[in-house]
Amino acid sequence: MAIYERSKPRTKLILSLFALCMIMPWAVLAQGSVSVTQTYGGVFSESRMNEWRSNPQNEFWAAVFSQRYGLAYDGRQVPGINPIPSEIGISWHYDVREELYQEASEIMDYYKRNGLLYEDPFLEDYLQRLLLDVCPGSMPPGRPGSLSIWVLRDSSPNAFALPNGTIVLNAGLISNLRTADELRAVIAHEVAHIFLDHSVEARIQEQLDAQAEARRVRRRAATAAILGSFAAGLAAYGGGAGIEDVALAAAYTGVVAGAVSVEYGLDRAKSALLEAGALHSQAQELQADMVSAEWAHFNGKPKALFIAALKRAEPARQSSASAADLSVYASHPPVSVRQSNILGQTLASSPGVTVRSVDSDALTGLDSLLALVDVEYDRENASLIELSAAISADVYGDYDTSIKLLTRLIQTGSPTASALVLASRVNRHMGHDDDFNQRSKTFIEEAESIVTVPRWDLLIEKAVLFSRIGRNDVARQALQELLEIDESDRPPTFTKEWIGMHMERLR
């Protein structure tokens, strides 16, 4: 679900209208900066652009945009922004945008149709507020597209920006961060890709290379085939059941088809991100890193916030990355390089070689950020943390990551019954001595203290746990209560025959 959207001028008709309103192209980038009047050929008035740039809400991002396109601007300067390459020229490039926007729309439609987007109105409002903190103003006048945020049911700690202004945050990324400021820094990084027009730059450079363009055309056809085949893939893998429901039933039934279908679909969607302009070069990533750091500094926050976010996510990235994830991460510079890019000082520089070093004060500040834990952040994002814990356990078998996430939820003081049931089950998978069994028993007792109606997942977990520790009487009672739940309110696998069989076994 879209979280924050001002408008959606994405159709061919609207893009064509924009093009008609901007008949004269921008001038090709010359040495130094150019005036707004010169840039827009007088069609787009200087007063309108200056009005946008003079709005205090646009101050930071107006500086980013102006420096990127070499526009004369008396306002703030943002370090680390490379001007748009001269072979591309200063133009809105509406034909290229129309193509990129269409491809981005196909990706998002694919996510929607196949249940890969996470919807929660409270989470949506929370992310809307963070996006407004990062970019409270509007896009440059004449630039089609608008900012919006979506959340993907993906446990890998990643985020990406599509050229039409859509920012996609994986559940795994939000779950592994620990403060709202870290998430703001990530959002600022993605907004930077959009304002710097990295996707447009990459597509035009690709078109200028005949061999690269031929590869892109072939990739485009392959991408369409991949996305078009997903419906058949879902049928083969058992349908698109919700990951939460599948995760709860998986340990008892062996049916992980729904969870696999989610990851199956995500892997194929990730393979199409390059085509949709969502993957960027290492140079572009480093540039967006710098803009995020400068955004933090502009707002009175530590420049190291984005590096702190990367370091939070790194362990989860290494432990749960699929083949598609690894191909996505391959386009990113190593965290050590990104850290020195933001926090380092240049010690020596020669053509093609720059040596940078991070001073001890900067590292001390980074360590202080990594020591911060915001319980309120965990409360705001509890549903996503639980989702990531379920995927980590039931798709990747990564119980260590899962129990760490669930422990965070428990430490908020208000975990859900489903989180406690999951914690009991994950804990059982990690060990079977008295300590592990007692922890699982504590989770079950806490879950029972907060439920008001019988829950099938809680009753099954209780039955399995107490059977393990030799309390067959308690296990049988839990199964008896499960039998009394209407069949329509429990998974079809748990039939009367299945329950009766295990009750007989526990006599």
Protein backbone atom coordinates (compact mmCIF):
# COMPACT_ATOMS: atom_id res chain seq x y z
CA MET A 1 0.00 0.00 0.00
CA ALA A 2 1.28 3.46 -0.80
CA ILE A 3 2.22 5.27 2.38
CA TYR A 4 2.67 8.83 1.25
CA GLU A 5 1.73 10.21 -2.12
CA ARG A 6 1.02 13.67 -3.39
CA SER A 7 0.11 12.75 -6.94
CA LYS A 8 0.72 10.06 -9.53
CA PRO A 9 1.42 11.60 -12.94
CA ARG A 10 2.67 8.27 -14.27
CA THR A 11 0.52 7.48 -17.25
CA LYS A 12 1.60 8.07 -20.81
CA LEU A 13 -1.04 10.77 -21.19
CA ILE A 14 0.22 12.84 -18.27
CA LEU A 15 3.84 12.36 -19.25
CA SER A 16 2.96 13.51 -22.76
CA LEU A 17 1.30 16.62 -21.33
CA PHE A 18 4.42 17.36 -19.35
CA ALA A 19 6.45 17.02 -22.54
CA LEU A 20 4.15 19.41 -24.41
CA CYS A 21 4.50 21.95 -21.63
CA MET A 22 8.28 21.67 -21.87
CA ILE A 23 8.76 21.85 -25.65
CA MET A 24 12.19 23.41 -25.51
CA PRO A 25 14.82 21.06 -24.02
CA TRP A 26 17.29 22.11 -21.41
CA ALA A 27 20.60 23.41 -22.63
CA VAL A 28 23.49 20.97 -22.67
CA LEU A 29 25.60 21.31 -19.55
CA ALA A 30 28.38 23.80 -20.09
CA GLN A 31 31.37 24.58 -17.93
CA GLY A 32 30.28 26.05 -14.59
CA SER A 33 26.68 26.75 -13.64
CA VAL A 34 23.87 27.99 -15.83
CA SER A 35 20.91 30.19 -15.05
CA VAL A 36 17.42 28.84 -14.68
CA THR A 37 16.23 30.95 -17.61
CA GLN A 38 18.97 29.55 -19.81
CA THR A 39 18.29 26.02 -18.66
CA TYR A 40 14.58 26.09 -19.36
CA GLY A 41 14.80 28.16 -22.48
CA GLY A 42 12.35 30.66 -21.02
CA VAL A 43 9.47 28.16 -21.27
CA PHE A 44 9.71 27.32 -17.59
CA SER A 45 9.94 30.65 -15.82
CA GLU A 46 12.83 31.49 -13.55
CA SER A 47 10.38 32.81 -10.98
CA ARG A 48 8.69 29.43 -10.66
CA MET A 49 11.95 27.59 -10.05
CA ASN A 50 13.17 30.25 -7.64
CA GLU A 51 9.86 30.09 -5.79
CA TRP A 52 10.39 26.34 -5.29
CA ARG A 53 13.97 26.82 -4.16
CA SER A 54 13.09 29.66 -1.78
CA ASN A 55 10.57 27.51 0.14
CA PRO A 56 12.31 26.65 3.45
CA GLN A 57 10.86 23.12 3.25
CA ASN A 58 12.77 22.57 0.01
CA GLU A 59 16.06 24.12 1.16
CA PHE A 60 18.23 21.03 1.43
CA TRP A 61 16.90 19.08 -1.55
CA ALA A 62 16.83 22.22 -3.72
CA ALA A 63 20.57 22.54 -3.07
CA VAL A 64 21.10 18.90 -4.02
CA PHE A 65 19.12 19.29 -7.23
CA SER A 66 20.72 22.58 -8.22
CA GLN A 67 24.26 21.30 -7.73
CA ARG A 68 23.52 18.11 -9.63
CA TYR A 69 22.32 20.05 -12.68
CA GLY A 70 24.79 22.92 -12.40
CA LEU A 71 22.13 25.55 -11.82
CA ALA A 72 23.17 28.93 -10.48
CA TYR A 73 22.13 28.96 -6.84
CA ASP A 74 23.09 31.22 -3.94
CA GLY A 75 21.84 28.81 -1.28
CA ARG A 76 23.43 25.99 0.64
CA GLN A 77 26.20 23.86 -0.90
CA VAL A 78 26.14 20.09 -0.41
CA PRO A 79 29.54 18.34 -0.67
CA GLY A 80 30.06 15.17 -2.68
CA ILE A 81 27.61 15.78 -5.55
CA ASN A 82 28.93 15.09 -9.04
CA PRO A 83 27.40 17.19 -11.84
CA ILE A 84 25.29 15.41 -14.42
CA PRO A 85 27.60 14.04 -17.17
CA SER A 86 27.92 16.33 -20.18
CA GLU A 87 27.06 13.56 -22.66
CA ILE A 88 23.63 13.30 -21.02
CA GLY A 89 22.89 17.00 -20.95
CA ILE A 90 20.47 18.94 -18.81
CA SER A 91 16.99 17.80 -19.72
CA TRP A 92 13.99 16.13 -18.14
CA HIS A 93 14.36 13.36 -20.76
CA TYR A 94 10.64 12.61 -20.74
CA ASP A 95 10.96 9.74 -23.20
CA VAL A 96 13.45 7.96 -20.95
CA ARG A 97 11.37 8.69 -17.86
CA GLU A 98 8.23 7.32 -19.48
CA GLU A 99 10.03 4.05 -20.18
CA LEU A 100 11.53 3.83 -16.68
CA TYR A 101 8.26 4.77 -14.98
CA GLN A 102 6.38 2.10 -16.93
CA GLU A 103 8.89 -0.53 -15.85
CA ALA A 104 8.68 0.66 -12.23
CA SER A 105 4.89 0.43 -12.37
CA GLU A 106 5.14 -3.14 -13.64
CA ILE A 107 7.34 -4.07 -10.69
CA MET A 108 4.96 -2.51 -8.17
CA ASP A 109 1.90 -4.07 -9.83
CA TYR A 110 3.65 -7.42 -9.59
CA TYR A 111 4.27 -6.93 -5.87
CA LYS A 112 0.64 -5.95 -5.29
CA ARG A 113 -0.93 -8.76 -7.31
CA ASN A 114 1.12 -11.43 -5.58
CA GLY A 115 0.68 -10.30 -2.00
CA LEU A 116 4.31 -9.27 -1.48
CA LEU A 117 3.53 -5.86 0.04
CA TYR A 118 2.97 -5.48 3.78
CA GLU A 119 -0.07 -3.44 4.77
CA ASP A 120 -0.61 -1.92 8.20
CA PRO A 121 -2.25 1.51 8.61
CA PHE A 122 -0.34 2.31 11.82
CA LEU A 123 2.99 1.43 10.21
CA GLU A 124 2.00 3.43 7.14
CA ASP A 125 1.37 6.53 9.23
CA TYR A 126 4.67 6.08 11.07
CA LEU A 127 6.65 5.83 7.81
CA GLN A 128 4.74 8.76 6.35
CA ARG A 129 5.93 10.91 9.25
CA LEU A 130 9.53 9.80 8.73
CA LEU A 131 9.35 10.57 5.00
CA LEU A 132 7.98 14.03 5.75
CA ASP A 133 10.85 14.57 8.19
CA VAL A 134 13.33 13.74 5.44
CA CYS A 135 11.64 15.57 2.56
CA PRO A 136 8.91 17.94 3.78
CA GLY A 137 8.73 19.85 0.49
CA SER A 138 7.92 18.90 -3.09
CA MET A 139 9.66 17.64 -6.20
CA PRO A 140 11.20 20.24 -8.57
CA PRO A 141 8.54 21.90 -10.75
CA GLY A 142 8.27 20.09 -14.05
CA ARG A 143 9.70 16.80 -12.81
CA PRO A 144 7.09 14.02 -13.07
CA GLY A 145 6.73 11.56 -10.23
CA SER A 146 6.07 11.82 -6.51
CA LEU A 147 7.50 10.34 -3.34
CA SER A 148 5.88 7.29 -1.77
CA ILE A 149 6.97 4.47 0.54
CA TRP A 150 6.02 0.80 0.36
CA VAL A 151 7.05 -2.11 2.59
CA LEU A 152 8.01 -5.46 1.11
CA ARG A 153 7.51 -8.84 2.83
CA ASP A 154 11.21 -9.62 2.56
CA SER A 155 13.49 -10.46 5.46
CA SER A 156 16.69 -9.33 3.73
CA PRO A 157 17.90 -5.94 5.05
CA ASN A 158 17.64 -3.87 1.89
CA ALA A 159 15.89 -0.85 0.39
CA PHE A 160 15.71 0.62 -3.09
CA ALA A 161 14.31 3.61 -4.95
CA LEU A 162 12.48 3.41 -8.26
CA PRO A 163 12.87 6.33 -10.68
CA ASN A 164 9.22 7.39 -10.35
CA GLY A 165 9.74 8.34 -6.69
CA THR A 166 8.69 5.03 -5.12
CA ILE A 167 10.85 3.96 -2.17
CA VAL A 168 10.66 0.30 -1.15
CA LEU A 169 11.82 -0.76 2.32
CA ASN A 170 12.19 -4.45 3.12
CA ALA A 171 10.69 -5.67 6.38
CA GLY A 172 14.09 -7.10 7.22
CA LEU A 173 15.76 -3.72 6.98
CA ILE A 174 13.30 -1.95 9.27
CA SER A 175 13.49 -4.87 11.70
CA ASN A 176 17.28 -4.77 12.01
CA LEU A 177 17.58 -1.03 12.63
CA ARG A 178 17.26 0.19 16.20
CA THR A 179 16.34 3.90 16.01
CA ALA A 180 14.06 6.11 13.95
CA ASP A 181 17.04 8.31 13.01
CA GLU A 182 18.77 5.33 11.40
CA LEU A 183 15.67 4.71 9.31
CA ARG A 184 15.47 8.41 8.40
CA ALA A 185 19.08 8.22 7.18
CA VAL A 186 18.19 5.23 4.97
CA ILE A 187 15.18 7.08 3.55
CA ALA A 188 17.41 10.12 2.87
CA HIS A 189 19.80 7.86 0.94
CA GLU A 190 16.95 6.60 -1.26
CA VAL A 191 15.51 10.10 -1.77
CA ALA A 192 19.01 11.14 -2.89
CA HIS A 193 18.94 8.54 -5.70
CA ILE A 194 15.66 10.06 -6.87
CA PHE A 195 16.69 13.73 -6.74
CA LEU A 196 20.06 12.94 -8.36
CA ASP A 197 18.27 11.11 -11.21
CA HIS A 198 20.64 8.17 -11.02
CA SER A 199 18.29 5.85 -12.92
CA VAL A 200 17.86 8.31 -15.78
CA GLU A 201 21.63 8.81 -15.98
CA ALA A 202 22.28 5.06 -16.09
CA ARG A 203 19.61 4.40 -18.74
CA ILE A 204 20.86 7.14 -21.08
CA GLN A 205 24.47 5.99 -20.73
CA GLU A 206 23.30 2.48 -21.53
CA GLN A 207 21.49 3.70 -24.63
CA LEU A 208 24.64 5.47 -25.81
CA ASP A 209 26.43 2.13 -25.72
CA ALA A 210 25.03 0.02 -28.58
CA GLN A 211 26.09 -3.32 -27.06
CA ALA A 212 24.72 -2.37 -23.65
CA GLU A 213 21.45 -1.30 -25.25
CA ALA A 214 21.16 -4.64 -27.05
CA ARG A 215 21.70 -6.43 -23.74
CA ARG A 216 19.05 -4.23 -22.12
CA VAL A 217 16.48 -5.11 -24.80
CA ARG A 218 17.15 -8.81 -24.25
CA ARG A 219 16.97 -8.33 -20.47
CA ARG A 220 13.69 -6.48 -20.85
CA ALA A 221 12.16 -9.44 -22.70
CA ALA A 222 13.49 -11.88 -20.11
CA THR A 223 12.11 -9.76 -17.29
CA ALA A 224 8.64 -9.73 -18.83
CA ALA A 225 8.78 -13.52 -19.12
CA ILE A 226 9.91 -13.89 -15.50
CA LEU A 227 7.16 -11.70 -14.10
CA GLY A 228 4.56 -13.25 -16.36
CA SER A 229 5.42 -16.76 -15.21
CA PHE A 230 4.98 -16.07 -11.51
CA ALA A 231 1.31 -17.03 -11.43
CA ALA A 232 2.23 -20.52 -12.59
CA GLY A 233 5.03 -20.58 -10.04
CA LEU A 234 2.63 -19.77 -7.24
CA ALA A 235 0.34 -22.61 -8.25
CA ALA A 236 3.29 -25.01 -8.28
CA TYR A 237 4.41 -23.85 -4.86
CA GLY A 238 1.00 -24.02 -3.23
CA GLY A 239 -0.45 -20.53 -3.54
CA GLY A 240 0.24 -17.22 -1.92
CA ALA A 241 -0.75 -17.87 1.69
CA GLY A 242 0.20 -15.20 4.20
CA ILE A 243 3.66 -15.71 5.62
CA GLU A 244 2.45 -15.37 9.21
CA ASP A 245 -0.12 -18.18 8.87
CA VAL A 246 2.30 -20.48 7.06
CA ALA A 247 5.09 -19.82 9.54
CA LEU A 248 2.92 -20.82 12.49
CA ALA A 249 1.85 -24.07 10.91
CA ALA A 250 5.14 -25.05 9.25
CA ALA A 251 6.81 -26.82 12.18
CA TYR A 252 3.84 -29.13 12.70
CA THR A 253 2.72 -29.87 9.18
CA GLY A 254 5.83 -29.58 7.06
CA VAL A 255 3.89 -27.29 4.75
CA VAL A 256 6.12 -24.33 3.98
CA ALA A 257 4.81 -23.85 0.46
CA GLY A 258 3.25 -20.47 1.15
CA ALA A 259 6.42 -19.12 2.72
CA VAL A 260 8.47 -20.47 -0.16
CA SER A 261 6.09 -18.86 -2.63
CA VAL A 262 6.75 -15.46 -1.07
CA GLU A 263 10.51 -15.89 -1.34
CA TYR A 264 10.11 -17.47 -4.80
CA GLY A 265 8.26 -14.39 -5.98
CA LEU A 266 10.69 -11.99 -4.33
CA ASP A 267 13.71 -13.61 -5.94
CA ARG A 268 12.17 -13.22 -9.37
CA ALA A 269 11.14 -9.66 -8.68
CA LYS A 270 14.66 -8.82 -7.52
CA SER A 271 16.04 -10.11 -10.79
CA ALA A 272 13.90 -7.47 -12.51
CA LEU A 273 15.05 -4.53 -10.37
CA LEU A 274 18.00 -3.80 -12.61
CA GLU A 275 15.62 -3.44 -15.53
CA ALA A 276 13.39 -1.09 -13.54
CA GLY A 277 16.27 1.27 -12.74
CA ALA A 278 16.43 0.38 -9.04
CA LEU A 279 20.02 -0.87 -8.91
CA HIS A 280 22.80 1.69 -9.03
CA SER A 281 26.52 1.77 -9.63
CA GLN A 282 28.95 1.87 -6.73
CA ALA A 283 29.79 5.48 -7.57
CA GLN A 284 26.10 6.39 -7.40
CA GLU A 285 25.72 4.55 -4.08
CA LEU A 286 28.64 6.48 -2.59
CA GLN A 287 27.16 9.75 -3.82
CA ALA A 288 23.79 8.95 -2.23
CA ASP A 289 25.65 8.01 0.98
CA MET A 290 27.23 11.46 1.09
CA VAL A 291 23.90 13.18 0.53
CA SER A 292 22.35 11.17 3.38
CA ALA A 293 25.24 12.17 5.66
CA GLU A 294 24.86 15.83 4.69
CA TRP A 295 21.10 15.64 5.24
CA ALA A 296 21.78 14.39 8.77
CA HIS A 297 24.28 17.21 9.38
CA PHE A 298 21.85 19.78 7.97
CA ASN A 299 19.25 18.59 10.49
CA GLY A 300 21.61 18.60 13.48
CA LYS A 301 22.18 14.84 13.51
CA PRO A 302 25.44 12.84 13.35
CA LYS A 303 26.80 12.24 9.84
CA ALA A 304 27.49 8.64 10.84
CA LEU A 305 23.78 7.74 11.06
CA PHE A 306 23.69 6.02 7.68
CA ILE A 307 26.85 4.04 8.47
CA ALA A 308 25.27 2.98 11.77
CA ALA A 309 22.26 1.69 9.81
CA LEU A 310 24.53 -0.26 7.45
CA LYS A 311 26.39 -1.85 10.35
CA ARG A 312 23.14 -2.82 12.06
CA ALA A 313 21.98 -4.60 8.91
CA GLU A 314 25.25 -6.27 7.97
CA PRO A 315 24.97 -9.43 10.16
CA ALA A 316 21.45 -10.17 8.90
CA ARG A 317 22.53 -9.54 5.32
CA GLN A 318 25.26 -12.15 5.63
CA SER A 319 23.11 -14.75 7.39
CA SER A 320 19.92 -14.66 5.31
CA ALA A 321 20.88 -13.57 1.81
CA SER A 322 19.48 -15.60 -1.07
CA ALA A 323 21.19 -15.81 -4.45
CA ALA A 324 19.07 -12.90 -5.65
CA ASP A 325 20.02 -10.86 -2.58
CA LEU A 326 23.70 -11.47 -3.25
CA SER A 327 23.32 -10.23 -6.81
CA VAL A 328 21.66 -7.07 -5.48
CA TYR A 329 24.29 -6.51 -2.79
CA ALA A 330 27.08 -6.98 -5.33
CA SER A 331 26.28 -3.53 -6.73
CA HIS A 332 26.95 -1.95 -3.32
CA PRO A 333 30.41 -0.91 -2.13
CA PRO A 334 31.75 -2.66 1.00
CA VAL A 335 30.65 -1.07 4.27
CA SER A 336 34.28 -0.20 5.07
CA VAL A 337 34.54 1.83 1.86
CA ARG A 338 31.24 3.59 2.55
CA GLN A 339 32.36 4.37 6.09
CA SER A 340 35.61 6.01 4.97
CA ASN A 341 33.73 7.86 2.23
CA ILE A 342 31.49 9.58 4.81
CA LEU A 343 33.69 9.80 7.89
CA GLY A 344 37.20 9.77 6.43
CA GLN A 345 39.69 12.46 5.63
CA THR A 346 41.71 12.41 2.40
CA LEU A 347 45.35 11.65 3.19
CA ALA A 348 46.63 11.51 -0.37
CA SER A 349 45.16 11.78 -3.83
CA SER A 350 46.44 11.12 -7.34
CA PRO A 351 44.68 10.37 -10.63
CA GLY A 352 42.49 7.35 -10.00
CA VAL A 353 43.72 6.82 -6.43
CA THR A 354 42.39 8.36 -3.22
CA VAL A 355 43.60 7.33 0.23
CA ARG A 356 41.27 8.11 3.10
CA SER A 357 41.45 7.44 6.82
CA VAL A 358 38.76 7.56 9.50
CA ASP A 359 39.85 9.41 12.63
CA SER A 360 39.27 8.07 16.13
CA ASP A 361 36.73 10.74 17.06
CA ALA A 362 34.49 9.75 14.14
CA LEU A 363 34.71 6.09 15.14
CA THR A 364 33.89 6.95 18.75
CA GLY A 365 30.79 8.79 17.57
CA LEU A 366 29.79 5.80 15.46
CA ASP A 367 30.22 3.45 18.41
CA SER A 368 27.96 5.72 20.46
CA LEU A 369 25.26 5.52 17.80
CA LEU A 370 25.51 1.73 17.68
CA ALA A 371 25.05 1.60 21.44
CA LEU A 372 21.68 3.34 21.19
CA VAL A 373 18.54 1.23 21.58
CA ASP A 374 15.12 2.83 21.12
CA VAL A 375 12.38 0.64 22.59
CA GLU A 376 9.74 2.94 21.11
CA TYR A 377 11.15 2.21 17.64
CA ASP A 378 10.62 -1.51 18.29
CA ARG A 379 7.05 -0.85 19.43
CA GLU A 380 6.28 1.16 16.28
CA ASN A 381 7.66 -1.60 14.05
CA ALA A 382 6.60 -4.64 16.10
CA SER A 383 4.57 -6.26 13.32
CA LEU A 384 7.49 -6.10 10.88
CA ILE A 385 9.95 -7.42 13.46
CA GLU A 386 7.66 -10.39 14.07
CA LEU A 387 7.28 -10.97 10.32
CA SER A 388 11.05 -10.94 9.84
CA ALA A 389 11.50 -13.33 12.75
CA ALA A 390 9.00 -15.75 11.17
CA ILE A 391 10.70 -15.61 7.75
CA SER A 392 14.15 -16.00 9.30
CA ALA A 393 13.03 -19.15 11.13
CA ASP A 394 10.73 -20.82 8.63
CA VAL A 395 12.26 -19.86 5.29
CA TYR A 396 15.96 -19.61 6.08
CA GLY A 397 16.18 -21.74 9.22
CA ASP A 398 18.08 -18.88 10.85
CA TYR A 399 16.93 -19.39 14.44
CA ASP A 400 19.62 -17.17 15.97
CA THR A 401 18.41 -14.10 14.06
CA SER A 402 14.78 -15.03 14.71
CA ILE A 403 15.16 -15.33 18.49
CA LYS A 404 17.14 -12.06 18.66
CA LEU A 405 14.30 -10.23 16.92
CA LEU A 406 11.69 -11.87 19.13
CA THR A 407 13.67 -11.02 22.26
CA ARG A 408 13.51 -7.37 21.24
CA LEU A 409 9.72 -7.63 21.01
CA ILE A 410 9.50 -9.25 24.42
CA GLN A 411 11.68 -6.49 25.89
CA THR A 412 9.17 -3.87 24.76
CA GLY A 413 6.88 -5.22 27.46
CA SER A 414 3.98 -5.75 25.09
CA PRO A 415 4.65 -8.71 22.79
CA THR A 416 1.74 -10.30 20.94
CA ALA A 417 0.60 -13.85 21.70
CA SER A 418 1.71 -14.93 18.22
CA ALA A 419 5.23 -13.56 18.86
CA LEU A 420 5.44 -15.48 22.13
CA VAL A 421 4.25 -18.69 20.47
CA LEU A 422 6.84 -18.22 17.74
CA ALA A 423 9.51 -17.57 20.39
CA SER A 424 8.63 -20.85 22.11
CA ARG A 425 8.84 -22.78 18.86
CA VAL A 426 12.11 -21.19 17.72
CA ASN A 427 13.60 -21.78 21.17
CA ARG A 428 12.64 -25.48 20.93
CA HIS A 429 14.49 -25.73 17.63
CA MET A 430 17.62 -24.34 19.26
CA GLY A 431 17.93 -26.86 22.10
CA HIS A 432 16.10 -29.47 24.17
CA ASP A 433 17.72 -29.39 27.60
CA ASP A 434 15.94 -28.16 30.71
CA ASP A 435 16.95 -24.52 30.19
CA PHE A 436 15.52 -24.38 26.67
CA ASN A 437 12.36 -26.20 27.73
CA GLN A 438 11.83 -23.84 30.67
CA ARG A 439 12.22 -20.78 28.44
CA SER A 440 9.64 -22.15 26.01
CA LYS A 441 7.32 -22.91 28.91
CA THR A 442 7.67 -19.30 30.12
CA PHE A 443 6.80 -17.99 26.65
CA ILE A 444 3.69 -20.20 26.55
CA GLU A 445 2.56 -19.10 30.01
CA GLU A 446 2.95 -15.43 29.06
CA ALA A 447 1.00 -15.99 25.85
CA GLU A 448 -1.80 -17.67 27.80
CA SER A 449 -1.96 -14.70 30.15
CA ILE A 450 -2.85 -12.27 27.34
CA VAL A 451 -5.21 -14.27 25.11
CA THR A 452 -8.95 -13.94 25.57
CA VAL A 453 -10.08 -16.68 23.18
CA PRO A 454 -8.49 -20.07 22.34
CA ARG A 455 -5.77 -19.87 19.65
CA TRP A 456 -4.94 -22.92 17.57
CA ASP A 457 -1.26 -21.99 17.26
CA LEU A 458 -0.88 -21.58 21.02
CA LEU A 459 -2.65 -24.86 21.77
CA ILE A 460 -0.53 -26.83 19.30
CA GLU A 461 2.72 -25.33 20.59
CA LYS A 462 1.64 -26.09 24.16
CA ALA A 463 0.80 -29.68 23.24
CA VAL A 464 4.15 -30.22 21.49
CA LEU A 465 6.16 -28.63 24.29
CA PHE A 466 4.49 -30.50 27.14
CA SER A 467 4.70 -33.75 25.21
CA ARG A 468 8.44 -33.15 24.93
CA ILE A 469 8.88 -32.70 28.68
CA GLY A 470 6.75 -35.72 29.56
CA ARG A 471 3.59 -33.87 30.69
CA ASN A 472 1.22 -35.85 28.48
CA ASP A 473 -1.79 -34.89 30.56
CA VAL A 474 -1.28 -31.20 29.82
CA ALA A 475 -0.55 -31.97 26.16
CA ARG A 476 -3.78 -33.99 25.84
CA GLN A 477 -5.80 -31.20 27.43
CA ALA A 478 -4.37 -28.70 24.92
CA LEU A 479 -5.34 -30.98 22.04
CA GLN A 480 -8.83 -31.41 23.52
CA GLU A 481 -9.23 -27.62 23.54
CA LEU A 482 -7.96 -27.52 19.95
CA LEU A 483 -10.63 -30.07 18.99
CA GLU A 484 -13.30 -27.76 20.40
CA ILE A 485 -12.26 -24.91 18.09
CA ASP A 486 -14.47 -24.75 15.01
CA GLU A 487 -12.79 -26.43 12.04
CA SER A 488 -13.11 -23.24 10.00
CA ASP A 489 -10.96 -21.43 12.57
CA ARG A 490 -7.97 -23.76 12.38
CA PRO A 491 -5.75 -24.85 9.45
CA PRO A 492 -7.26 -27.71 7.41
CA THR A 493 -4.24 -29.90 8.18
CA PHE A 494 -5.33 -30.19 11.80
CA THR A 495 -8.36 -32.40 11.24
CA LYS A 496 -10.31 -34.23 13.94
CA GLU A 497 -8.55 -37.42 12.83
CA TRP A 498 -5.12 -35.82 13.21
CA ILE A 499 -5.95 -34.48 16.67
CA GLY A 500 -7.52 -37.77 17.74
CA MET A 501 -4.48 -39.74 16.59
CA HIS A 502 -2.13 -37.67 18.75
CA MET A 503 -4.46 -37.69 21.74
CA GLU A 504 -4.49 -41.48 21.58
CA ARG A 505 -0.68 -41.56 21.31
CA LEU A 506 -0.36 -39.41 24.46
CA ARG A 507 -2.45 -41.73 26.67
